[in-house]
């Protein structure tokens, strides 16, 4: 599978990540929500906690992907981490139209495998 012109099996390169086909519109909608860099909210924290319990995972996030980072509106299991660089974010792939294919293949990628 190709993503941003590269095989999905290739590693991340700093400052490079796959781009949504309609990235400009996606970012416009995201910023219109006025939620980036806002304080934690109990409702989102409950979603993250529920996800860890329901799916029996040590980490759950409510993440939003902007131009250069994956920002966490809610974070359970990563301590005080509030964001990661987009070039190392699984969500940079998950927002693509082919996301179901990406999630099935993520275990084969060195940066997402355990």
Foldseek 3Di string as FASTA:
>chain_A
DDFLNHPPQDAFDPPDFGAAPPNVVLQVVVVVVVQPPDAADPVQQVVFVVCCVVVVNQKGFDWDDHDWWIAGSYIGNPPPDGIDTLSLDPVSQCPYPPNVVCVVCQCSHPSRHD
